Amino acid sequence: MFSILINLFIKDKDSVKNPEVRQKYGMLCGVVGIALNLLLFLGKFLAGILSKSISITADAFNNLSDAGSSVVTLAGFKLAGAKPDVDHPYGHGRIEYITGFIVSGAIIIMAFELVKSSIEKIVNPVQVEFSFLSVGILLASILVKIYMALYNNRIGKKLGSAAMRAAATDSLSDVCATTVVLLGIVIGEFTGLRVDGWCGVLVGLFIFYAGISAAKDTLNPLLGQPPEPEFVARIEEIVLAHEEICGVHDLLVHDYGPARCMISLHAEVPAEGNILELHEVVDEAEAQLQEKLNCNAVIHMDPVVTKDTYILDLKGRIEALIKNIDPIITMHDFRVVPKHVQTKLIFDVVVPHGYRLDDEELAETIKKQIGRELGGDYFVVIQVDKAYFGA
């Protein structure tokens, strides 16, 4: 059904990098979510009244909160799709993350209230009345929520949307919660045990865990998480497709919302090349990143020696030396500056955040190793950088 709605209401449905298309996906998911959750609320609320079950009634209000969350999601995608303006030159895409966080907060609050009311039910238990109508409503609810989880997850992956993935997680938690409620009713009917309150506590814990997981997914992009390895690989693939570019380093990705990011990187080019021709190549690489990834890109040219055998041999020996210290360390921007007394070696090394040695200790370790292996004819200058992705 959802695929039919996509075909009806979303033109250029495969252009998911287009903010307008993303907005339409988000709004369609929001409208469908509101409609389905309201229907589930009405059905479960009726079943809860008929059976006098706190767990069913609580599950009904959980669906009502989901409808409210869908309203927030719908509004968030609408606002996130607004065009950049003077006050927000990078656009409004991060509103989508904020929307997901609000949804997560609603999930956590609902979980707390559910656990609280369920504990009261444990202290003062009431016999739940079994009915096939209630069982049928719960079974239908489970099927609907599985369907909602599937389409939200599929759209979330397609768009790379944390808000949609949060909605999918919420739907899966609802499946678990409603299943527990259903089992509680069946157990109570055939054993006489009053487990309704305990089932409500389990439902609340399911929902609480889902809320925390969804909050993590939406907060991390706001705090500044590393880019996905696949995205980094795609950037390097596009840039290195130009044979004049020898290497890539110092890659930074600034996330301003899904499908809205800025990229900066250093591209190594032959020092012996024509600077105007190399500049044209770099401009072309920037344009391709914009076209293929919908990202604004700034590329800095780093000239590197590619034909001097002495420098290349020296670079290879130092790279091997550094790898012997720790394979995780990488090197770039290698330069050799001849002097009368000592030849100056200048290069950068990259290590992950939280590396076992601080920057000064690492630089001194490398310098001492170079002195032992290559002698004292070199004055070494090392800049220690941190990796913003991968390691």
Protein backbone atom coordinates (compact mmCIF):
# COMPACT_ATOMS: atom_id res chain seq x y z
CA MET A 1 0.00 0.00 0.00
CA PHE A 2 2.73 2.44 0.94
CA SER A 3 4.49 1.90 -2.39
CA ILE A 4 1.26 2.85 -4.14
CA LEU A 5 1.05 6.08 -2.11
CA ILE A 6 4.68 6.89 -2.97
CA ASN A 7 3.96 6.47 -6.68
CA LEU A 8 0.85 8.64 -6.37
CA PHE A 9 2.23 11.55 -4.35
CA ILE A 10 6.00 11.68 -4.89
CA LYS A 11 7.40 12.56 -8.27
CA ASP A 12 11.11 11.81 -8.80
CA LYS A 13 10.85 9.35 -5.92
CA ASP A 14 14.43 8.15 -6.45
CA SER A 15 15.96 11.65 -6.10
CA VAL A 16 16.34 11.23 -2.34
CA LYS A 17 19.22 13.74 -2.17
CA ASN A 18 16.78 16.45 -3.24
CA PRO A 19 15.48 18.25 -0.09
CA GLU A 20 12.03 18.68 -1.64
CA VAL A 21 11.72 14.94 -2.32
CA ARG A 22 12.91 14.14 1.23
CA GLN A 23 10.27 16.52 2.57
CA LYS A 24 7.53 14.75 0.64
CA TYR A 25 8.65 11.34 1.92
CA GLY A 26 8.67 12.62 5.50
CA MET A 27 5.26 14.22 5.24
CA LEU A 28 3.72 11.14 3.61
CA CYS A 29 5.13 8.91 6.37
CA GLY A 30 3.82 11.34 8.96
CA VAL A 31 0.27 11.41 7.57
CA VAL A 32 0.11 7.60 7.25
CA GLY A 33 1.53 7.22 10.77
CA ILE A 34 -1.07 9.58 12.24
CA ALA A 35 -3.95 7.74 10.55
CA LEU A 36 -2.82 4.22 11.51
CA ASN A 37 -1.93 5.12 15.09
CA LEU A 38 -5.27 6.84 15.67
CA LEU A 39 -7.08 3.72 14.42
CA LEU A 40 -5.00 1.53 16.72
CA PHE A 41 -5.66 3.83 19.66
CA LEU A 42 -9.42 3.66 19.17
CA GLY A 43 -9.38 -0.13 18.81
CA LYS A 44 -7.14 -0.78 21.82
CA PHE A 45 -8.92 1.77 23.99
CA LEU A 46 -12.21 -0.04 23.30
CA ALA A 47 -10.56 -3.39 24.05
CA GLY A 48 -9.07 -2.01 27.29
CA ILE A 49 -12.45 -0.78 28.53
CA LEU A 50 -14.16 -4.05 27.68
CA SER A 51 -11.49 -6.21 29.33
CA LYS A 52 -10.63 -3.83 32.22
CA SER A 53 -6.94 -4.31 31.34
CA ILE A 54 -4.44 -1.65 32.38
CA SER A 55 -1.83 -3.05 29.97
CA ILE A 56 -4.18 -2.82 26.95
CA THR A 57 -5.31 0.69 27.91
CA ALA A 58 -1.69 1.77 28.41
CA ASP A 59 -0.78 0.27 25.05
CA ALA A 60 -3.64 2.25 23.50
CA PHE A 61 -2.29 5.53 24.88
CA ASN A 62 1.14 4.51 23.64
CA ASN A 63 -0.36 4.48 20.14
CA LEU A 64 -1.93 7.86 20.80
CA SER A 65 1.50 9.22 21.71
CA ASP A 66 2.82 7.65 18.50
CA ALA A 67 0.21 9.63 16.57
CA GLY A 68 1.49 12.77 18.29
CA SER A 69 5.03 11.76 17.38
CA SER A 70 3.97 11.41 13.76
CA VAL A 71 2.61 14.96 13.90
CA VAL A 72 6.01 16.13 15.16
CA THR A 73 7.76 14.15 12.42
CA LEU A 74 5.49 15.66 9.77
CA ALA A 75 6.12 19.20 11.06
CA GLY A 76 9.85 18.50 11.32
CA PHE A 77 10.18 17.40 7.70
CA LYS A 78 8.15 20.42 6.61
CA LEU A 79 10.46 22.81 8.48
CA ALA A 80 13.63 20.93 7.50
CA GLY A 81 12.73 21.34 3.85
CA ALA A 82 12.77 25.14 4.07
CA LYS A 83 15.35 26.81 1.85
CA PRO A 84 18.48 28.48 3.30
CA ASP A 85 18.07 32.08 4.37
CA VAL A 86 20.20 34.92 5.74
CA ASP A 87 20.02 33.63 9.32
CA HIS A 88 20.48 29.98 8.34
CA PRO A 89 22.78 29.91 5.29
CA TYR A 90 23.35 26.15 5.67
CA GLY A 91 19.63 25.38 5.55
CA HIS A 92 17.31 23.90 8.18
CA GLY A 93 18.10 20.21 7.77
CA ARG A 94 19.10 19.66 11.41
CA ILE A 95 15.50 20.24 12.41
CA GLU A 96 14.97 16.65 11.26
CA TYR A 97 17.37 15.47 13.97
CA ILE A 98 15.64 17.65 16.56
CA THR A 99 12.33 16.16 15.49
CA GLY A 100 13.67 12.66 16.05
CA PHE A 101 14.90 13.66 19.51
CA ILE A 102 11.47 15.05 20.44
CA VAL A 103 9.90 11.77 19.33
CA SER A 104 12.42 9.90 21.49
CA GLY A 105 11.55 12.09 24.48
CA ALA A 106 7.84 11.35 24.03
CA ILE A 107 8.61 7.62 23.92
CA ILE A 108 10.62 7.79 27.18
CA ILE A 109 7.92 9.80 29.00
CA MET A 110 5.25 7.35 27.91
CA ALA A 111 7.39 4.45 29.14
CA PHE A 112 7.78 6.07 32.58
CA GLU A 113 4.05 6.69 32.93
CA LEU A 114 3.26 3.15 31.82
CA VAL A 115 5.64 1.58 34.36
CA LYS A 116 4.20 3.79 37.09
CA SER A 117 0.57 2.82 36.36
CA SER A 118 1.54 -0.86 35.98
CA ILE A 119 3.19 -0.92 39.41
CA GLU A 120 -0.03 0.45 40.89
CA LYS A 121 -1.86 -2.39 39.12
CA ILE A 122 0.56 -4.93 40.65
CA VAL A 123 -0.14 -3.55 44.14
CA ASN A 124 -3.91 -3.52 43.54
CA PRO A 125 -4.57 -6.28 40.95
CA VAL A 126 -7.85 -6.53 39.07
CA GLN A 127 -9.01 -9.61 37.16
CA VAL A 128 -8.81 -9.05 33.40
CA GLU A 129 -11.85 -10.13 31.40
CA PHE A 130 -10.95 -12.26 28.39
CA SER A 131 -12.65 -11.62 25.05
CA PHE A 132 -11.94 -12.74 21.52
CA LEU A 133 -12.58 -9.18 20.36
CA SER A 134 -9.69 -7.90 22.48
CA VAL A 135 -7.43 -10.68 21.23
CA GLY A 136 -8.37 -9.93 17.62
CA ILE A 137 -7.68 -6.21 18.07
CA LEU A 138 -4.27 -6.93 19.57
CA LEU A 139 -3.35 -9.36 16.80
CA ALA A 140 -4.39 -6.81 14.18
CA SER A 141 -2.35 -4.17 16.00
CA ILE A 142 0.75 -6.36 15.91
CA LEU A 143 0.41 -6.88 12.16
CA VAL A 144 -0.13 -3.16 11.51
CA LYS A 145 2.89 -2.21 13.62
CA ILE A 146 5.10 -4.75 11.84
CA TYR A 147 4.02 -3.18 8.55
CA MET A 148 4.76 0.33 9.89
CA ALA A 149 8.18 -0.75 11.15
CA LEU A 150 9.04 -2.22 7.75
CA TYR A 151 8.08 0.82 5.69
CA ASN A 152 9.60 3.31 8.15
CA ASN A 153 12.85 1.35 8.20
CA ARG A 154 12.91 1.08 4.40
CA ILE A 155 12.30 4.81 3.95
CA GLY A 156 14.76 5.62 6.76
CA LYS A 157 17.52 3.68 5.00
CA LYS A 158 16.63 5.15 1.63
CA LEU A 159 16.73 8.72 2.94
CA GLY A 160 19.43 8.21 5.56
CA SER A 161 16.92 9.70 8.05
CA ALA A 162 17.44 9.34 11.80
CA ALA A 163 13.86 10.51 12.41
CA MET A 164 12.44 7.74 10.20
CA ARG A 165 14.67 5.13 11.81
CA ALA A 166 13.45 6.34 15.22
CA ALA A 167 9.87 5.84 14.04
CA ALA A 168 10.75 2.32 12.85
CA THR A 169 12.35 1.51 16.22
CA ASP A 170 9.26 2.81 17.99
CA SER A 171 7.02 0.57 15.87
CA LEU A 172 9.16 -2.49 16.64
CA SER A 173 8.99 -1.73 20.36
CA ASP A 174 5.20 -1.50 20.00
CA VAL A 175 5.18 -4.97 18.41
CA CYS A 176 7.06 -6.36 21.42
CA ALA A 177 4.86 -4.46 23.86
CA THR A 178 1.57 -5.56 22.33
CA THR A 179 2.81 -9.15 22.12
CA VAL A 180 3.56 -9.08 25.86
CA VAL A 181 0.08 -7.67 26.55
CA LEU A 182 -1.52 -10.40 24.44
CA LEU A 183 0.45 -13.13 26.22
CA GLY A 184 -0.58 -11.64 29.56
CA ILE A 185 -4.27 -11.86 28.66
CA VAL A 186 -3.95 -15.46 27.45
CA ILE A 187 -1.95 -16.51 30.54
CA GLY A 188 -4.47 -14.84 32.83
CA GLU A 189 -7.37 -16.59 31.12
CA PHE A 190 -5.93 -20.12 31.21
CA THR A 191 -4.01 -20.02 34.51
CA GLY A 192 -5.90 -17.50 36.61
CA LEU A 193 -2.68 -15.61 37.35
CA ARG A 194 -3.07 -11.84 37.56
CA VAL A 195 -0.08 -10.85 35.43
CA ASP A 196 -1.60 -7.78 33.78
CA GLY A 197 0.44 -5.34 35.86
CA TRP A 198 3.67 -7.26 35.32
CA CYS A 199 3.03 -7.30 31.59
CA GLY A 200 2.53 -3.54 31.75
CA VAL A 201 5.96 -3.15 33.41
CA LEU A 202 7.59 -5.24 30.67
CA VAL A 203 5.84 -3.15 28.02
CA GLY A 204 7.12 0.01 29.68
CA LEU A 205 10.69 -1.30 29.74
CA PHE A 206 10.48 -2.24 26.05
CA ILE A 207 9.29 1.26 25.22
CA PHE A 208 11.93 2.90 27.43
CA TYR A 209 14.75 1.00 25.71
CA ALA A 210 13.37 1.97 22.30
CA GLY A 211 13.27 5.63 23.36
CA ILE A 212 16.89 5.61 24.54
CA SER A 213 18.05 3.93 21.31
CA ALA A 214 16.16 6.43 19.18
CA ALA A 215 17.52 9.38 21.22
CA LYS A 216 21.07 8.16 20.63
CA ASP A 217 20.50 7.96 16.87
CA THR A 218 19.23 11.55 16.75
CA LEU A 219 21.66 13.15 19.21
CA ASN A 220 24.84 11.75 17.66
CA PRO A 221 24.51 13.74 14.39
CA LEU A 222 23.85 16.92 16.40
CA LEU A 223 26.90 16.36 18.60
CA GLY A 224 29.11 15.55 15.60
CA GLN A 225 29.48 11.87 14.79
CA PRO A 226 32.00 10.61 12.21
CA PRO A 227 30.75 10.12 8.64
CA GLU A 228 29.75 6.64 7.52
CA PRO A 229 32.68 4.63 6.09
CA GLU A 230 30.71 4.05 2.87
CA PHE A 231 30.28 7.81 2.45
CA VAL A 232 34.01 8.41 2.99
CA ALA A 233 34.85 5.67 0.49
CA ARG A 234 32.51 7.25 -2.06
CA ILE A 235 34.17 10.67 -1.63
CA GLU A 236 37.63 9.18 -2.11
CA GLU A 237 36.43 7.20 -5.12
CA ILE A 238 35.09 10.33 -6.85
CA VAL A 239 38.21 12.41 -6.14
CA LEU A 240 40.80 9.73 -6.92
CA ALA A 241 39.05 8.91 -10.22
CA HIS A 242 41.09 11.85 -11.56
CA GLU A 243 44.47 10.34 -12.39
CA GLU A 244 46.24 13.64 -11.68
CA ILE A 245 45.25 13.38 -7.99
CA CYS A 246 47.67 11.08 -6.15
CA GLY A 247 46.05 10.90 -2.72
CA VAL A 248 43.51 12.32 -0.29
CA HIS A 249 43.90 13.32 3.36
CA ASP A 250 42.56 15.75 6.01
CA LEU A 251 38.99 14.93 4.99
CA LEU A 252 36.34 16.72 7.05
CA VAL A 253 32.58 16.26 6.72
CA HIS A 254 30.29 18.84 8.34
CA ASP A 255 26.72 17.57 8.69
CA TYR A 256 23.95 20.18 8.44
CA GLY A 257 21.17 17.64 8.12
CA PRO A 258 20.48 14.60 5.94
CA ALA A 259 21.65 15.20 2.37
CA ARG A 260 23.06 18.57 3.48
CA CYS A 261 26.76 18.55 4.24
CA MET A 262 29.98 20.37 3.47
CA ILE A 263 33.20 18.57 2.64
CA SER A 264 36.77 19.83 2.87
CA LEU A 265 39.82 17.78 1.97
CA HIS A 266 43.40 17.97 0.80
CA ALA A 267 44.18 16.45 -2.59
CA GLU A 268 47.77 15.50 -3.37
CA VAL A 269 48.88 16.53 -6.86
CA PRO A 270 52.27 16.21 -8.61
CA ALA A 271 54.57 19.08 -7.69
CA GLU A 272 56.00 18.88 -11.20
CA GLY A 273 52.62 19.45 -12.86
CA ASN A 274 51.11 22.58 -14.42
CA ILE A 275 49.36 24.47 -11.64
CA LEU A 276 46.61 25.84 -13.87
CA GLU A 277 45.79 22.42 -15.29
CA LEU A 278 45.81 20.85 -11.81
CA HIS A 279 43.54 23.60 -10.51
CA GLU A 280 41.07 22.77 -13.28
CA VAL A 281 41.14 19.11 -12.24
CA VAL A 282 40.43 20.02 -8.61
CA ASP A 283 37.55 22.28 -9.67
CA GLU A 284 36.08 19.39 -11.64
CA ALA A 285 36.36 17.08 -8.61
CA GLU A 286 34.52 19.65 -6.48
CA ALA A 287 31.75 19.89 -9.06
CA GLN A 288 31.37 16.10 -9.19
CA LEU A 289 31.05 15.87 -5.40
CA GLN A 290 28.30 18.48 -5.59
CA GLU A 291 26.52 16.67 -8.42
CA LYS A 292 26.80 13.08 -7.14
CA LEU A 293 26.60 13.58 -3.36
CA ASN A 294 24.73 16.90 -3.15
CA CYS A 295 27.58 18.24 -0.99
CA ASN A 296 29.41 21.55 -1.16
CA ALA A 297 33.10 20.70 -1.37
CA VAL A 298 36.31 22.66 -0.87
CA ILE A 299 39.52 20.95 -2.00
CA HIS A 300 42.98 22.20 -1.09
CA MET A 301 45.81 21.24 -3.44
CA ASP A 302 48.87 19.70 -1.80
CA PRO A 303 51.88 19.42 -4.15
CA VAL A 304 53.89 16.23 -3.62
CA VAL A 305 57.09 15.07 -5.26
CA THR A 306 56.43 12.12 -7.56
CA LYS A 307 59.61 11.79 -9.64
CA ASP A 308 62.57 12.31 -7.28
CA THR A 309 63.81 8.80 -6.43
CA TYR A 310 65.80 9.99 -3.39
CA ILE A 311 62.74 11.62 -1.79
CA LEU A 312 60.45 8.73 -2.70
CA ASP A 313 62.88 6.22 -1.20
CA LEU A 314 63.24 8.28 1.97
CA LYS A 315 59.47 8.62 2.26
CA GLY A 316 59.00 4.86 1.87
CA ARG A 317 61.57 4.11 4.58
CA ILE A 318 59.94 6.50 7.03
CA GLU A 319 56.46 5.14 6.29
CA ALA A 320 57.73 1.63 7.02
CA LEU A 321 59.35 2.85 10.22
CA ILE A 322 56.09 4.47 11.37
CA LYS A 323 54.06 1.36 10.56
CA ASN A 324 56.52 -0.64 12.63
CA ILE A 325 55.75 1.62 15.60
CA ASP A 326 51.99 1.17 15.15
CA PRO A 327 50.13 0.03 11.97
CA ILE A 328 47.24 2.36 12.79
CA ILE A 329 49.37 5.47 12.19
CA THR A 330 49.27 7.03 8.71
CA MET A 331 51.52 9.71 7.19
CA HIS A 332 51.01 12.46 4.61
CA ASP A 333 52.38 15.84 3.46
CA PHE A 334 55.95 14.52 3.34
CA ARG A 335 58.50 17.18 2.37
CA VAL A 336 62.27 17.32 2.29
CA VAL A 337 64.05 20.68 2.72
CA PRO A 338 67.83 20.46 2.14
CA LYS A 339 70.00 22.43 4.61
CA HIS A 340 73.76 22.93 5.00
CA VAL A 341 74.02 21.06 8.31
CA GLN A 342 70.90 18.88 8.53
CA THR A 343 68.19 18.02 5.99
CA LYS A 344 64.75 18.99 7.30
CA LEU A 345 62.02 16.32 7.08
CA ILE A 346 58.47 17.67 7.48
CA PHE A 347 55.37 15.49 7.57
CA ASP A 348 52.03 14.90 9.30
CA VAL A 349 50.90 11.72 11.04
CA VAL A 350 47.30 10.77 11.80
CA VAL A 351 46.09 8.84 14.85
CA PRO A 352 42.59 8.21 16.26
CA HIS A 353 41.15 10.24 19.12
CA GLY A 354 42.11 8.75 22.48
CA TYR A 355 45.37 7.31 21.16
CA ARG A 356 47.59 5.72 23.84
CA LEU A 357 50.33 8.36 23.41
CA ASP A 358 49.79 12.10 23.53
CA ASP A 359 50.94 14.18 20.57
CA GLU A 360 54.35 15.13 22.01
CA GLU A 361 55.15 11.58 23.12
CA LEU A 362 54.25 10.17 19.70
CA ALA A 363 56.30 12.80 17.84
CA GLU A 364 59.33 12.13 20.07
CA THR A 365 58.97 8.36 19.61
CA ILE A 366 58.99 8.74 15.82
CA LYS A 367 61.92 11.18 15.88
CA LYS A 368 64.02 8.84 18.02
CA GLN A 369 63.24 5.91 15.73
CA ILE A 370 64.25 7.97 12.67
CA GLY A 371 67.48 8.94 14.42
CA ARG A 372 68.30 5.30 15.18
CA GLU A 373 67.41 3.99 11.73
CA LEU A 374 68.53 6.86 9.47
CA GLY A 375 71.21 8.58 11.51
CA GLY A 376 71.48 12.14 12.79
CA ASP A 377 71.61 13.91 9.44
CA TYR A 378 67.94 14.90 9.62
CA PHE A 379 66.01 17.55 11.53
CA VAL A 380 62.44 16.19 11.84
CA VAL A 381 59.27 18.31 12.16
CA ILE A 382 56.08 16.33 12.86
CA GLN A 383 52.47 17.54 13.03
CA VAL A 384 50.12 15.09 14.77
CA ASP A 385 46.54 15.13 13.40
CA LYS A 386 43.46 13.29 14.66
CA ALA A 387 41.33 11.02 12.49
CA TYR A 388 37.74 12.24 12.08
CA PHE A 389 36.51 8.93 10.69
CA GLY A 390 37.52 5.30 10.39
CA ALA A 391 40.07 4.44 13.09
